[in-house]
C-alpha atoms as a PDB file:
ATOM      1  CA  MET A   1     119.866 152.640  86.038  1.00  0.00           C
ATOM      2  CA  PHE A   2     118.507 153.817  82.743  1.00  0.00           C
ATOM      3  CA  TYR A   3     120.098 153.616  79.305  1.00  0.00           C
ATOM      4  CA  ASN A   4     121.747 156.886  78.228  1.00  0.00           C
ATOM      5  CA  ASP A   5     120.893 158.563  81.545  1.00  0.00           C
ATOM      6  CA  HIS A   6     122.544 161.883  82.382  1.00  0.00           C
ATOM      7  CA  ALA A   7     125.827 162.205  84.275  1.00  0.00           C
ATOM      8  CA  PRO A   8     127.056 161.876  86.977  1.00  0.00           C
ATOM      9  CA  PRO A   9     126.942 158.070  87.332  1.00  0.00           C
ATOM     10  CA  HIS A  10     124.023 157.212  89.609  1.00  0.00           C
ATOM     11  CA  PHE A  11     121.268 154.706  90.296  1.00  0.00           C
ATOM     12  CA  TYR A  12     117.784 154.786  91.746  1.00  0.00           C
ATOM     13  CA  ALA A  13     117.160 152.999  95.039  1.00  0.00           C
ATOM     14  CA  ILE A  14     113.570 152.268  96.005  1.00  0.00           C
ATOM     15  CA  TYR A  15     112.731 150.980  99.463  1.00  0.00           C
ATOM     16  CA  GLY A  16     109.041 150.893 100.287  1.00  0.00           C
ATOM     17  CA  GLU A  17     107.702 154.409  99.872  1.00  0.00           C
ATOM     18  CA  TYR A  18     111.195 155.957  99.666  1.00  0.00           C
ATOM     19  CA  GLU A  19     113.113 156.656  96.466  1.00  0.00           C
ATOM     20  CA  LEU A  20     116.686 157.908  96.420  1.00  0.00           C
ATOM     21  CA  VAL A  21     119.021 158.875  93.599  1.00  0.00           C
ATOM     22  CA  VAL A  22     122.470 157.685  94.668  1.00  0.00           C
ATOM     23  CA  GLY A  23     125.723 158.912  93.159  1.00  0.00           C
ATOM     24  CA  ILE A  24     128.269 156.190  92.483  1.00  0.00           C
ATOM     25  CA  SER A  25     131.452 158.241  92.252  1.00  0.00           C
ATOM     26  CA  PRO A  26     131.532 159.986  94.618  1.00  0.00           C
ATOM     27  CA  ILE A  27     129.126 157.938  96.701  1.00  0.00           C
ATOM     28  CA  THR A  28     126.411 160.280  97.910  1.00  0.00           C
ATOM     29  CA  ILE A  29     122.665 160.659  98.068  1.00  0.00           C
ATOM     30  CA  ILE A  30     121.888 163.142  95.312  1.00  0.00           C
ATOM     31  CA  VAL A  31     118.115 163.374  95.710  1.00  0.00           C
ATOM     32  CA  GLY A  32     115.602 161.967  98.164  1.00  0.00           C
ATOM     33  CA  LYS A  33     115.184 161.307 101.843  1.00  0.00           C
ATOM     34  CA  ALA A  34     114.725 158.115 103.796  1.00  0.00           C
ATOM     35  CA  PRO A  35     115.120 157.056 107.427  1.00  0.00           C
ATOM     36  CA  ASN A  36     118.768 156.859 108.544  1.00  0.00           C
ATOM     37  CA  ARG A  37     118.658 153.050 108.684  1.00  0.00           C
ATOM     38  CA  VAL A  38     117.505 152.831 105.047  1.00  0.00           C
ATOM     39  CA  SER A  39     120.020 155.424 103.810  1.00  0.00           C
ATOM     40  CA  SER A  40     122.834 153.699 105.697  1.00  0.00           C
ATOM     41  CA  MET A  41     121.993 150.298 104.197  1.00  0.00           C
ATOM     42  CA  ILE A  42     121.917 151.738 100.679  1.00  0.00           C
ATOM     43  CA  LEU A  43     125.217 153.577 101.128  1.00  0.00           C
ATOM     44  CA  GLU A  44     126.856 150.481 102.665  1.00  0.00           C
ATOM     45  CA  TRP A  45     125.753 148.385  99.672  1.00  0.00           C
ATOM     46  CA  THR A  46     127.027 151.070  97.288  1.00  0.00           C
ATOM     47  CA  VAL A  47     130.471 151.037  98.933  1.00  0.00           C
ATOM     48  CA  LEU A  48     130.636 147.243  98.652  1.00  0.00           C
ATOM     49  CA  HIS A  49     129.669 147.268  94.971  1.00  0.00           C
ATOM     50  CA  GLN A  50     130.984 150.603  93.704  1.00  0.00           C
ATOM     51  CA  GLN A  51     133.096 149.117  90.895  1.00  0.00           C
ATOM     52  CA  GLU A  52     130.285 146.828  89.743  1.00  0.00           C
ATOM     53  CA  LEU A  53     127.923 149.812  89.717  1.00  0.00           C
ATOM     54  CA  LEU A  54     130.368 151.855  87.647  1.00  0.00           C
ATOM     55  CA  ASP A  55     130.786 148.919  85.263  1.00  0.00           C
ATOM     56  CA  ASN A  56     127.008 148.673  84.902  1.00  0.00           C
ATOM     57  CA  TRP A  57     126.757 152.430  84.339  1.00  0.00           C
ATOM     58  CA  ASN A  58     129.230 152.073  81.468  1.00  0.00           C
ATOM     59  CA  ARG A  59     127.340 149.056  80.100  1.00  0.00           C
ATOM     60  CA  CYS A  60     124.126 151.090  80.035  1.00  0.00           C
ATOM     61  CA  TRP A  61     125.922 153.886  78.164  1.00  0.00           C
ATOM     62  CA  GLN A  62     126.941 151.298  75.566  1.00  0.00           C
ATOM     63  CA  ALA A  63     123.309 150.073  75.277  1.00  0.00           C
ATOM     64  CA  GLN A  64     124.182 146.799  77.008  1.00  0.00           C
ATOM     65  CA  ALA A  65     122.105 145.248  79.761  1.00  0.00           C
ATOM     66  CA  PRO A  66     123.505 145.744  83.269  1.00  0.00           C
ATOM     67  CA  LEU A  67     124.761 142.688  85.122  1.00  0.00           C
ATOM     68  CA  SER A  68     123.140 141.477  88.323  1.00  0.00           C
ATOM     69  CA  ILE A  69     124.663 142.653  91.609  1.00  0.00           C
ATOM     70  CA  GLU A  70     124.258 140.761  94.877  1.00  0.00           C
ATOM     71  CA  PRO A  71     121.856 142.307  97.391  1.00  0.00           C
ATOM     72  CA  LEU A  72     122.901 143.405 100.861  1.00  0.00           C
ATOM     73  CA  GLU A  73     122.439 140.583 103.358  1.00  0.00           C
END
């Protein structure tokens, strides 16, 4: 996430050579392509942490540092 980034709420997911822009609400891949396994893992993690991601999006809009979110295990 970046401070004062444009709407809709989203984050950037980087996995190896792949970079995706992922919408938080609704959860969707906005930009980018990756193998199905990678996309599925990112979307699964987003579902598990949707509220935390939205909270961090709001923190960034208020010029506050985002809080850490647990990785997918």
